[in-house]
Amino acid sequence: MSLALSGNPGRPALAGALRRHWPLLPLAAAVLLLLAPLPAGDATASGKVGPADAASLLLVFVCAVQALRGRVRTLSPPAALVLGLPAVGLAVATAGAGDPYAALPGFVRYLQVFVLVPAAVVLLVRDAREFRITAGCLVVLALFQGAVGVVQYATHTGASYQGEDVRAVGTFGPGDVMGMATVVAYGLVVATAVALAPGLPARVRRIAGGCALVLVVPLVLSFSRGAWIATLGAAVLVMALAGIRRALKVLVALTAAGVVLVGGFGIGSDMVAERLTSITRVSSAPDQSVTDRYTMWAAAESMWRERPAAGVGLKGFPAHRDGHSSLALSSGSDTAGAGQAYLRQPLLSPHNMYLLVLSEQGLIGLAALAGGWAALLVAGVRRYASGGSARRIRDCGLIATGLLVWQLTDFLYADIGGPSTVLTGVVIGLAAWWALPSPDDTGPAGPVAGPVAGPATRRAAAGADGL
């Protein structure tokens, strides 16, 4: 992606690009710092503040400073409502918890992921070019983590799966087996959207299509059923929005890649087939992980029925789990491999974001969070379908809508936790940026600059709608 904002080559152009885009650096860091490997054998990283979380806090700080200087986009009333309403549900759930002090870390985490980071993305990403830079960072992260995952499978240095150390987990380790699958899926959705997007240069679309095909391999080797289902759902929607003719080309290419990799080269064929079959065995012969998942879902529902309005309070699921679970629930999940010794991790969440919110925050919290997500999805699809002034940046719409659909589908099988959680806030922010345009947005290229940006900045931004 070219960052040049003028015709002057060399250092002046680079200096101008840095001056214009410097508020985006913490956002890029929040994504790219996930390239750094976790300490070997650290299976407790999901409860710690990592480098990416620190970068997200810096992002929020930079946004606050820029807002005080009047150099951010203006939030429309609907955007302010959708982005701010979850804070109300979080406050109610925290105040109503049995131990509000113990619930405070949960309040901070939810506020970071679902309010502060998305709002910072919406306010600081000023135009289509900066949106594309952020999406490009997701693809870079996915390619790196995917490459690490493929090497782990090939060299039997991954996480333990069916008695072999072959599960691709990237640098996240066996304590966060969904981490690599999540970031690879994000990159795959972005690459697919760019490959299908109308109006982009053919070379860019071909490169994106190649990236999408490459990322299929580590996604398959993650053996994550939830990520597979979410990626399929997001890809189908993106292809439907892009048009049948384009969609058929990508679908044929992805199908051919799958046949060659799994059928021809036999990459994980037996394990993949078994994993796919297990998706349908939810009642006849479920494995223990499926049994645990459904048992915890039932426990979450029981908690909600006990306190339907405000739930049992943030961070309350682990304390109430045993009192609402059947004897079918195991004591934990086994993790090993990828540089970590055998460790049994306790099951502290229902692995369903909607049920986790329902059990801990009740109907108030679920309406505030899920209602906002539904509003973003509807508004995003409508804006893409209507075209209008956003026609020249429809690739941003495909990316944003695809990422949001992936996240909402994945929430049926997972919840927040682990170093990659910060990306959830980034994805929701990108979706809100597209779905809820600012009153300052002008011109066919979409958002250009804040209300007090100088004439030189506006002139430079006028041509910033390309890659």
Protein backbone atom coordinates (compact mmCIF):
# COMPACT_ATOMS: atom_id res chain seq x y z
CA MET A 1 0.00 0.00 0.00
CA SER A 2 1.43 3.38 -0.95
CA LEU A 3 1.42 6.03 1.73
CA ALA A 4 2.64 8.85 -0.49
CA LEU A 5 0.36 11.86 -0.26
CA SER A 6 2.01 14.06 -2.82
CA GLY A 7 4.02 13.85 -6.00
CA ASN A 8 7.30 14.59 -4.22
CA PRO A 9 9.41 11.41 -3.94
CA GLY A 10 11.68 10.36 -1.11
CA ARG A 11 11.88 11.78 2.35
CA PRO A 12 9.42 14.70 2.00
CA ALA A 13 6.66 12.30 0.96
CA LEU A 14 7.51 9.90 3.80
CA ALA A 15 7.61 12.73 6.32
CA GLY A 16 4.25 13.98 5.10
CA ALA A 17 2.79 10.48 5.37
CA LEU A 18 4.04 10.09 8.93
CA ARG A 19 2.69 13.50 9.93
CA ARG A 20 -0.71 12.63 8.57
CA HIS A 21 -0.97 9.02 9.72
CA TRP A 22 0.93 9.04 13.03
CA PRO A 23 -2.25 8.63 15.17
CA LEU A 24 -2.70 5.31 13.37
CA LEU A 25 0.57 3.91 14.72
CA PRO A 26 -0.88 2.66 18.06
CA LEU A 27 -3.68 0.93 16.14
CA ALA A 28 -1.19 -0.81 13.86
CA ALA A 29 0.89 -1.73 16.92
CA ALA A 30 -2.14 -3.25 18.66
CA VAL A 31 -2.44 -5.63 15.70
CA LEU A 32 1.19 -6.28 14.79
CA LEU A 33 2.48 -6.74 18.34
CA LEU A 34 0.64 -10.08 18.25
CA LEU A 35 3.49 -11.21 16.00
CA ALA A 36 5.65 -11.46 19.13
CA PRO A 37 5.77 -14.98 20.60
CA LEU A 38 4.49 -15.65 24.10
CA PRO A 39 6.97 -16.92 26.70
CA ALA A 40 7.49 -20.64 26.29
CA GLY A 41 5.25 -22.67 28.52
CA ASP A 42 3.04 -19.71 29.48
CA ALA A 43 -0.49 -21.04 29.51
CA THR A 44 -1.85 -18.24 31.66
CA ALA A 45 -1.33 -15.40 29.20
CA SER A 46 -5.07 -15.00 28.74
CA GLY A 47 -5.30 -13.36 32.15
CA LYS A 48 -2.44 -10.91 31.64
CA VAL A 49 -2.01 -7.55 29.97
CA GLY A 50 0.11 -8.20 26.88
CA PRO A 51 1.92 -5.85 24.50
CA ALA A 52 -1.10 -5.61 22.20
CA ASP A 53 -3.33 -4.63 25.13
CA ALA A 54 -0.82 -1.96 26.13
CA ALA A 55 -0.85 -0.63 22.56
CA SER A 56 -4.66 -0.51 22.63
CA LEU A 57 -4.51 1.59 25.80
CA LEU A 58 -2.06 3.92 24.06
CA LEU A 59 -4.51 4.06 21.14
CA VAL A 60 -7.28 5.18 23.49
CA PHE A 61 -4.97 7.78 25.07
CA VAL A 62 -3.94 9.18 21.67
CA CYS A 63 -7.60 9.32 20.67
CA ALA A 64 -8.45 11.27 23.84
CA VAL A 65 -5.64 13.76 23.18
CA GLN A 66 -6.66 14.20 19.56
CA ALA A 67 -10.28 14.64 20.61
CA LEU A 68 -9.30 17.43 23.00
CA ARG A 69 -7.47 19.10 20.11
CA GLY A 70 -10.49 18.68 17.85
CA ARG A 71 -8.62 16.45 15.40
CA VAL A 72 -10.90 13.42 15.28
CA ARG A 73 -13.99 12.58 13.29
CA THR A 74 -17.32 13.67 14.72
CA LEU A 75 -19.55 10.89 16.01
CA SER A 76 -23.08 10.93 14.71
CA PRO A 77 -25.83 10.50 17.36
CA PRO A 78 -26.54 6.88 16.24
CA ALA A 79 -22.81 6.07 16.42
CA ALA A 80 -22.52 7.57 19.91
CA LEU A 81 -25.53 5.53 21.04
CA VAL A 82 -24.36 2.22 19.56
CA LEU A 83 -20.79 2.60 20.83
CA GLY A 84 -21.67 3.99 24.26
CA LEU A 85 -24.72 1.93 25.25
CA PRO A 86 -22.74 -1.21 26.25
CA ALA A 87 -21.14 0.80 29.05
CA VAL A 88 -24.54 1.10 30.70
CA GLY A 89 -25.09 -2.65 30.78
CA LEU A 90 -21.56 -3.19 32.04
CA ALA A 91 -22.04 -0.70 34.86
CA VAL A 92 -25.32 -2.34 35.92
CA ALA A 93 -23.75 -5.82 35.88
CA THR A 94 -20.75 -4.64 37.90
CA ALA A 95 -22.81 -2.83 40.51
CA GLY A 96 -25.16 -5.81 40.85
CA ALA A 97 -22.40 -8.41 41.22
CA GLY A 98 -22.08 -10.28 44.51
CA ASP A 99 -18.55 -8.87 44.82
CA PRO A 100 -18.29 -5.64 42.81
CA TYR A 101 -14.56 -5.38 43.55
CA ALA A 102 -13.93 -8.81 41.99
CA ALA A 103 -16.09 -7.82 39.01
CA LEU A 104 -14.09 -4.65 38.36
CA PRO A 105 -11.38 -6.32 36.16
CA GLY A 106 -14.16 -7.74 34.00
CA PHE A 107 -15.71 -4.28 33.69
CA VAL A 108 -12.38 -2.83 32.55
CA ARG A 109 -11.81 -5.64 30.04
CA TYR A 110 -15.28 -5.37 28.51
CA LEU A 111 -15.01 -1.57 28.41
CA GLN A 112 -11.69 -1.87 26.59
CA VAL A 113 -12.85 -4.40 23.99
CA PHE A 114 -16.43 -3.29 23.32
CA VAL A 115 -16.41 0.47 23.98
CA LEU A 116 -13.04 2.23 24.11
CA VAL A 117 -11.10 0.48 21.32
CA PRO A 118 -14.02 0.50 18.82
CA ALA A 119 -14.69 4.17 19.55
CA ALA A 120 -11.00 5.01 19.11
CA VAL A 121 -10.94 3.22 15.74
CA VAL A 122 -14.03 5.09 14.56
CA LEU A 123 -12.64 8.46 15.66
CA LEU A 124 -9.04 8.08 14.47
CA VAL A 125 -9.41 6.22 11.14
CA ARG A 126 -10.09 9.26 8.98
CA ASP A 127 -10.33 7.91 5.45
CA ALA A 128 -10.49 4.82 3.27
CA ARG A 129 -6.72 4.62 2.98
CA GLU A 130 -6.27 4.36 6.74
CA PHE A 131 -9.03 1.76 6.87
CA ARG A 132 -7.16 -0.28 4.27
CA ILE A 133 -3.87 0.08 6.14
CA THR A 134 -5.50 -1.33 9.27
CA ALA A 135 -7.05 -4.20 7.32
CA GLY A 136 -3.68 -4.85 5.69
CA CYS A 137 -2.10 -5.21 9.13
CA LEU A 138 -4.60 -8.00 9.86
CA VAL A 139 -3.50 -9.83 6.71
CA VAL A 140 0.20 -9.46 7.59
CA LEU A 141 -0.47 -10.85 11.06
CA ALA A 142 -2.48 -13.74 9.62
CA LEU A 143 0.23 -14.69 7.12
CA PHE A 144 2.91 -14.72 9.80
CA GLN A 145 0.90 -16.69 12.36
CA GLY A 146 -0.33 -19.03 9.64
CA ALA A 147 3.23 -19.73 8.49
CA VAL A 148 4.25 -20.56 12.06
CA GLY A 149 1.23 -22.85 12.35
CA VAL A 150 2.02 -24.75 9.15
CA VAL A 151 5.61 -25.28 10.32
CA GLN A 152 4.27 -26.59 13.64
CA TYR A 153 2.11 -29.14 11.84
CA ALA A 154 4.88 -30.20 9.48
CA THR A 155 7.48 -30.59 12.23
CA HIS A 156 5.16 -31.97 14.94
CA THR A 157 5.91 -29.01 17.23
CA GLY A 158 2.35 -27.76 17.59
CA ALA A 159 -0.21 -28.23 20.32
CA SER A 160 -1.29 -31.73 21.25
CA TYR A 161 -4.22 -33.08 19.23
CA GLN A 162 -5.34 -36.71 19.26
CA GLY A 163 -2.05 -37.73 20.84
CA GLU A 164 0.17 -35.89 18.34
CA ASP A 165 1.73 -32.42 18.55
CA VAL A 166 0.29 -31.29 15.22
CA ARG A 167 -2.31 -28.65 16.02
CA ALA A 168 -1.36 -25.29 14.48
CA VAL A 169 -1.52 -22.60 17.18
CA GLY A 170 1.07 -20.08 15.96
CA THR A 171 2.88 -18.18 18.69
CA PHE A 172 -0.18 -18.25 20.98
CA GLY A 173 0.61 -21.67 22.44
CA PRO A 174 -1.72 -24.48 23.55
CA GLY A 175 -3.24 -22.32 26.28
CA ASP A 176 -4.94 -20.22 23.57
CA VAL A 177 -5.71 -22.66 20.76
CA MET A 178 -8.21 -20.23 19.22
CA GLY A 179 -5.68 -17.40 18.91
CA MET A 180 -4.07 -18.42 15.63
CA ALA A 181 -7.36 -19.62 14.16
CA THR A 182 -8.90 -16.23 14.92
CA VAL A 183 -6.18 -14.07 13.38
CA VAL A 184 -5.85 -16.36 10.33
CA ALA A 185 -9.61 -16.21 9.81
CA TYR A 186 -9.55 -12.41 10.03
CA GLY A 187 -6.84 -12.27 7.38
CA LEU A 188 -8.65 -14.77 5.18
CA VAL A 189 -11.88 -12.76 5.32
CA VAL A 190 -10.05 -9.51 4.51
CA ALA A 191 -8.14 -11.09 1.63
CA THR A 192 -11.30 -12.65 0.20
CA ALA A 193 -13.14 -9.33 0.40
CA VAL A 194 -10.30 -7.50 -1.38
CA ALA A 195 -10.11 -10.21 -4.05
CA LEU A 196 -13.81 -9.75 -4.76
CA ALA A 197 -14.03 -5.98 -4.32
CA PRO A 198 -15.09 -3.97 -7.35
CA GLY A 199 -12.99 -1.01 -8.38
CA LEU A 200 -9.63 -2.16 -7.04
CA PRO A 201 -6.64 -2.70 -9.35
CA ALA A 202 -6.46 -6.20 -10.82
CA ARG A 203 -2.97 -6.73 -9.41
CA VAL A 204 -4.17 -5.97 -5.89
CA ARG A 205 -7.11 -8.36 -6.26
CA ARG A 206 -4.85 -11.14 -7.57
CA ILE A 207 -2.42 -10.75 -4.67
CA ALA A 208 -5.33 -10.77 -2.21
CA GLY A 209 -6.74 -13.90 -3.83
CA GLY A 210 -3.38 -15.62 -3.47
CA CYS A 211 -3.22 -14.64 0.20
CA ALA A 212 -6.70 -16.05 0.76
CA LEU A 213 -5.74 -19.39 -0.81
CA VAL A 214 -2.56 -19.58 1.27
CA LEU A 215 -4.43 -18.83 4.51
CA VAL A 216 -6.82 -21.73 3.96
CA VAL A 217 -4.01 -24.14 4.93
CA PRO A 218 -3.30 -22.90 8.48
CA LEU A 219 -7.01 -22.40 9.12
CA VAL A 220 -7.62 -26.06 8.29
CA LEU A 221 -4.67 -27.14 10.42
CA SER A 222 -6.00 -25.21 13.42
CA PHE A 223 -8.69 -27.93 13.74
CA SER A 224 -11.03 -25.25 15.07
CA ARG A 225 -14.60 -26.14 14.15
CA GLY A 226 -15.98 -22.80 15.28
CA ALA A 227 -13.48 -20.86 13.16
CA TRP A 228 -14.30 -23.01 10.13
CA ILE A 229 -18.03 -22.38 10.47
CA ALA A 230 -17.58 -18.64 11.06
CA THR A 231 -15.23 -18.28 8.09
CA LEU A 232 -17.62 -20.13 5.82
CA GLY A 233 -20.50 -17.90 6.90
CA ALA A 234 -18.50 -14.70 6.41
CA ALA A 235 -17.15 -15.84 3.04
CA VAL A 236 -20.63 -16.71 1.77
CA LEU A 237 -21.98 -13.28 2.72
CA VAL A 238 -19.00 -11.46 1.21
CA MET A 239 -19.38 -13.42 -2.02
CA ALA A 240 -23.12 -12.73 -2.11
CA LEU A 241 -22.56 -8.99 -1.66
CA ALA A 242 -19.80 -8.92 -4.28
CA GLY A 243 -21.92 -10.63 -6.94
CA ILE A 244 -22.54 -14.13 -8.18
CA ARG A 245 -20.02 -14.11 -11.01
CA ARG A 246 -17.12 -13.00 -8.83
CA ALA A 247 -18.25 -15.30 -6.05
CA LEU A 248 -18.23 -18.39 -8.27
CA LYS A 249 -14.62 -17.75 -9.32
CA VAL A 250 -13.41 -17.51 -5.72
CA LEU A 251 -15.52 -20.46 -4.62
CA VAL A 252 -14.09 -22.66 -7.38
CA ALA A 253 -10.55 -21.60 -6.45
CA LEU A 254 -11.04 -22.26 -2.74
CA THR A 255 -12.67 -25.63 -3.42
CA ALA A 256 -9.85 -26.64 -5.75
CA ALA A 257 -7.29 -25.61 -3.13
CA GLY A 258 -9.05 -27.69 -0.50
CA VAL A 259 -9.23 -30.74 -2.75
CA VAL A 260 -5.54 -30.49 -3.70
CA LEU A 261 -4.28 -29.85 -0.16
CA VAL A 262 -6.40 -32.35 1.71
CA GLY A 263 -7.21 -34.88 -0.99
CA GLY A 264 -4.08 -34.68 -3.11
CA PHE A 265 -1.32 -34.03 -0.59
CA GLY A 266 -3.22 -35.55 2.32
CA ILE A 267 -2.60 -32.57 4.61
CA GLY A 268 -4.33 -33.58 7.81
CA SER A 269 -6.95 -35.49 5.83
CA ASP A 270 -7.88 -38.06 8.49
CA MET A 271 -7.93 -35.54 11.32
CA VAL A 272 -9.81 -32.96 9.26
CA ALA A 273 -12.40 -35.55 8.22
CA GLU A 274 -12.88 -36.63 11.83
CA ARG A 275 -13.17 -32.99 12.95
CA LEU A 276 -15.74 -32.22 10.27
CA THR A 277 -17.77 -35.30 11.16
CA SER A 278 -17.75 -34.34 14.84
CA ILE A 279 -19.67 -31.14 14.00
CA THR A 280 -22.77 -33.22 13.27
CA ARG A 281 -22.31 -35.59 16.24
CA VAL A 282 -23.76 -33.27 18.85
CA SER A 283 -26.36 -35.72 20.15
CA SER A 284 -25.52 -39.23 18.93
CA ALA A 285 -21.85 -39.58 19.94
CA PRO A 286 -20.40 -36.22 21.02
CA ASP A 287 -16.80 -35.99 22.17
CA GLN A 288 -16.01 -34.66 25.64
CA SER A 289 -15.33 -31.13 24.42
CA VAL A 290 -18.81 -30.98 22.88
CA THR A 291 -20.34 -32.43 26.05
CA ASP A 292 -18.55 -29.84 28.18
CA ARG A 293 -19.65 -27.04 25.89
CA TYR A 294 -23.33 -27.98 25.99
CA THR A 295 -23.20 -28.56 29.74
CA MET A 296 -21.78 -25.06 30.28
CA TRP A 297 -24.36 -23.59 27.92
CA ALA A 298 -27.07 -25.13 30.06
CA ALA A 299 -25.39 -23.76 33.18
CA ALA A 300 -25.31 -20.25 31.69
CA GLU A 301 -28.99 -20.47 30.82
CA SER A 302 -29.76 -21.60 34.37
CA MET A 303 -27.88 -18.62 35.80
CA TRP A 304 -29.87 -16.28 33.59
CA ARG A 305 -33.17 -17.79 34.67
CA GLU A 306 -32.13 -17.19 38.26
CA ARG A 307 -31.36 -13.49 37.62
CA PRO A 308 -32.88 -12.58 34.22
CA ALA A 309 -32.52 -8.80 34.30
CA ALA A 310 -28.90 -8.15 35.35
CA GLY A 311 -27.34 -11.63 35.54
CA VAL A 312 -24.99 -12.93 38.22
CA GLY A 313 -22.48 -10.13 37.66
CA LEU A 314 -19.28 -9.76 35.67
CA LYS A 315 -16.75 -12.53 36.35
CA GLY A 316 -19.53 -14.42 38.10
CA PHE A 317 -19.77 -17.44 35.79
CA PRO A 318 -16.89 -19.44 37.36
CA ALA A 319 -18.25 -18.96 40.89
CA HIS A 320 -21.77 -20.09 39.92
CA ARG A 321 -20.82 -22.77 37.38
CA ASP A 322 -20.79 -25.84 39.63
CA GLY A 323 -24.10 -24.94 41.23
CA HIS A 324 -25.80 -24.91 37.82
CA SER A 325 -23.94 -27.74 36.02
CA SER A 326 -24.70 -31.42 35.67
CA LEU A 327 -22.25 -34.21 36.47
CA ALA A 328 -21.43 -34.51 32.76
CA LEU A 329 -19.08 -31.52 33.02
CA SER A 330 -15.40 -32.50 33.19
CA SER A 331 -12.93 -30.79 35.49
CA GLY A 332 -11.06 -29.07 32.68
CA SER A 333 -9.42 -29.38 29.29
CA ASP A 334 -6.02 -30.94 28.61
CA THR A 335 -3.34 -28.78 27.00
CA ALA A 336 0.19 -29.68 25.99
CA GLY A 337 2.72 -29.29 23.21
CA ALA A 338 4.14 -26.20 21.48
CA GLY A 339 6.77 -25.78 24.17
CA GLN A 340 4.45 -26.42 27.11
CA ALA A 341 4.24 -29.41 29.42
CA TYR A 342 0.95 -31.13 30.13
CA LEU A 343 -1.48 -28.84 31.94
CA ARG A 344 -5.16 -29.13 32.78
CA GLN A 345 -6.97 -25.83 32.36
CA PRO A 346 -10.22 -25.15 34.22
CA LEU A 347 -13.37 -24.37 32.25
CA LEU A 348 -14.23 -20.83 33.34
CA SER A 349 -16.62 -19.71 30.60
CA PRO A 350 -19.43 -21.25 28.50
CA HIS A 351 -17.53 -20.72 25.21
CA ASN A 352 -20.49 -18.80 23.82
CA MET A 353 -20.29 -15.01 24.03
CA TYR A 354 -24.03 -14.49 23.95
CA LEU A 355 -24.67 -16.94 26.78
CA LEU A 356 -21.74 -15.54 28.77
CA VAL A 357 -23.21 -12.04 28.51
CA LEU A 358 -26.70 -13.34 29.26
CA SER A 359 -25.57 -15.20 32.38
CA GLU A 360 -23.36 -12.44 33.77
CA GLN A 361 -25.15 -9.29 32.52
CA GLY A 362 -28.70 -10.48 31.96
CA LEU A 363 -31.09 -9.13 29.37
CA ILE A 364 -29.89 -5.57 30.00
CA GLY A 365 -26.32 -6.35 29.02
CA LEU A 366 -27.25 -8.63 26.13
CA ALA A 367 -29.61 -6.04 24.64
CA ALA A 368 -26.94 -3.34 24.90
CA LEU A 369 -24.15 -5.43 23.34
CA ALA A 370 -25.89 -7.73 20.88
CA GLY A 371 -28.39 -5.03 19.94
CA GLY A 372 -25.54 -2.74 18.94
CA TRP A 373 -23.86 -5.49 16.93
CA ALA A 374 -27.10 -6.22 15.09
CA ALA A 375 -27.51 -2.51 14.33
CA LEU A 376 -23.99 -2.37 12.89
CA LEU A 377 -24.65 -5.39 10.68
CA VAL A 378 -27.94 -4.05 9.31
CA ALA A 379 -26.55 -0.55 8.75
CA GLY A 380 -23.40 -1.89 7.12
CA VAL A 381 -25.26 -4.13 4.67
CA ARG A 382 -27.69 -1.33 3.83
CA ARG A 383 -24.89 1.14 3.16
CA TYR A 384 -23.11 -1.34 0.91
CA ALA A 385 -26.28 -2.18 -1.00
CA SER A 386 -27.28 1.47 -1.46
CA GLY A 387 -23.94 2.47 -2.97
CA GLY A 388 -24.30 6.23 -3.24
CA SER A 389 -21.35 8.36 -2.15
CA ALA A 390 -19.56 5.29 -0.74
CA ARG A 391 -19.44 3.45 -4.08
CA ARG A 392 -15.70 4.09 -4.57
CA ILE A 393 -14.81 2.54 -1.20
CA ARG A 394 -17.07 -0.50 -1.35
CA ASP A 395 -14.05 -2.71 -0.68
CA CYS A 396 -14.06 -1.22 2.84
CA GLY A 397 -17.70 -2.23 3.15
CA LEU A 398 -16.97 -5.81 2.10
CA ILE A 399 -14.10 -6.04 4.58
CA ALA A 400 -16.04 -4.52 7.47
CA THR A 401 -19.18 -6.56 6.90
CA GLY A 402 -17.26 -9.81 6.44
CA LEU A 403 -15.24 -9.29 9.62
CA LEU A 404 -18.35 -8.45 11.64
CA VAL A 405 -20.25 -11.50 10.38
CA TRP A 406 -17.26 -13.69 11.20
CA GLN A 407 -17.10 -12.30 14.73
CA LEU A 408 -20.83 -12.62 15.41
CA THR A 409 -20.84 -16.20 14.11
CA ASP A 410 -17.74 -17.14 16.07
CA PHE A 411 -19.37 -15.79 19.24
CA LEU A 412 -21.75 -18.77 19.00
CA TYR A 413 -18.79 -21.05 19.78
CA ALA A 414 -16.34 -18.81 21.62
CA ASP A 415 -16.05 -15.82 23.92
CA ILE A 416 -13.37 -13.26 24.67
CA GLY A 417 -10.09 -14.28 26.24
CA GLY A 418 -6.43 -14.49 25.33
CA PRO A 419 -4.01 -12.05 23.69
CA SER A 420 -6.01 -11.89 20.44
CA THR A 421 -9.03 -10.43 22.26
CA VAL A 422 -7.89 -6.89 21.50
CA LEU A 423 -8.52 -7.62 17.81
CA THR A 424 -12.21 -8.07 18.61
CA GLY A 425 -12.35 -4.38 19.51
CA VAL A 426 -10.52 -3.46 16.30
CA VAL A 427 -12.94 -5.52 14.18
CA ILE A 428 -16.00 -3.97 15.83
CA GLY A 429 -14.45 -0.54 15.33
CA LEU A 430 -13.89 -1.15 11.62
CA ALA A 431 -17.48 -2.36 11.27
CA ALA A 432 -18.77 0.76 13.05
CA TRP A 433 -16.54 3.00 10.89
CA TRP A 434 -18.26 1.67 7.79
CA ALA A 435 -21.79 1.26 9.10
CA LEU A 436 -22.07 4.61 10.93
CA PRO A 437 -20.41 7.32 8.81
CA SER A 438 -19.49 10.60 10.42
CA PRO A 439 -21.19 13.93 9.60
CA ASP A 440 -17.69 15.08 8.58
CA ASP A 441 -17.45 12.46 5.82
CA THR A 442 -17.34 14.19 2.47
CA GLY A 443 -16.75 13.22 -1.11
CA PRO A 444 -17.01 9.89 -2.91
CA ALA A 445 -13.99 8.50 -1.11
CA GLY A 446 -15.67 8.63 2.27
CA PRO A 447 -14.14 10.14 5.40
CA VAL A 448 -11.37 12.58 4.69
CA ALA A 449 -10.33 14.53 7.76
CA GLY A 450 -11.45 15.98 11.04
CA PRO A 451 -13.44 19.21 11.18
CA VAL A 452 -10.41 21.36 11.97
CA ALA A 453 -7.92 19.83 9.54
CA GLY A 454 -6.02 22.39 7.55
CA PRO A 455 -6.42 23.05 3.82
CA ALA A 456 -3.15 21.26 3.01
CA THR A 457 -4.32 18.15 4.81
CA ARG A 458 -7.64 18.22 2.99
CA ARG A 459 -5.95 18.63 -0.39
CA ALA A 460 -3.61 15.74 0.37
CA ALA A 461 -6.48 13.57 1.51
CA ALA A 462 -8.49 14.21 -1.63
CA GLY A 463 -6.43 11.68 -3.53
CA ALA A 464 -6.11 9.18 -0.73
CA ASP A 465 -8.82 6.81 -1.85
CA GLY A 466 -6.47 4.38 -3.58
CA LEU A 467 -4.28 1.61 -2.21
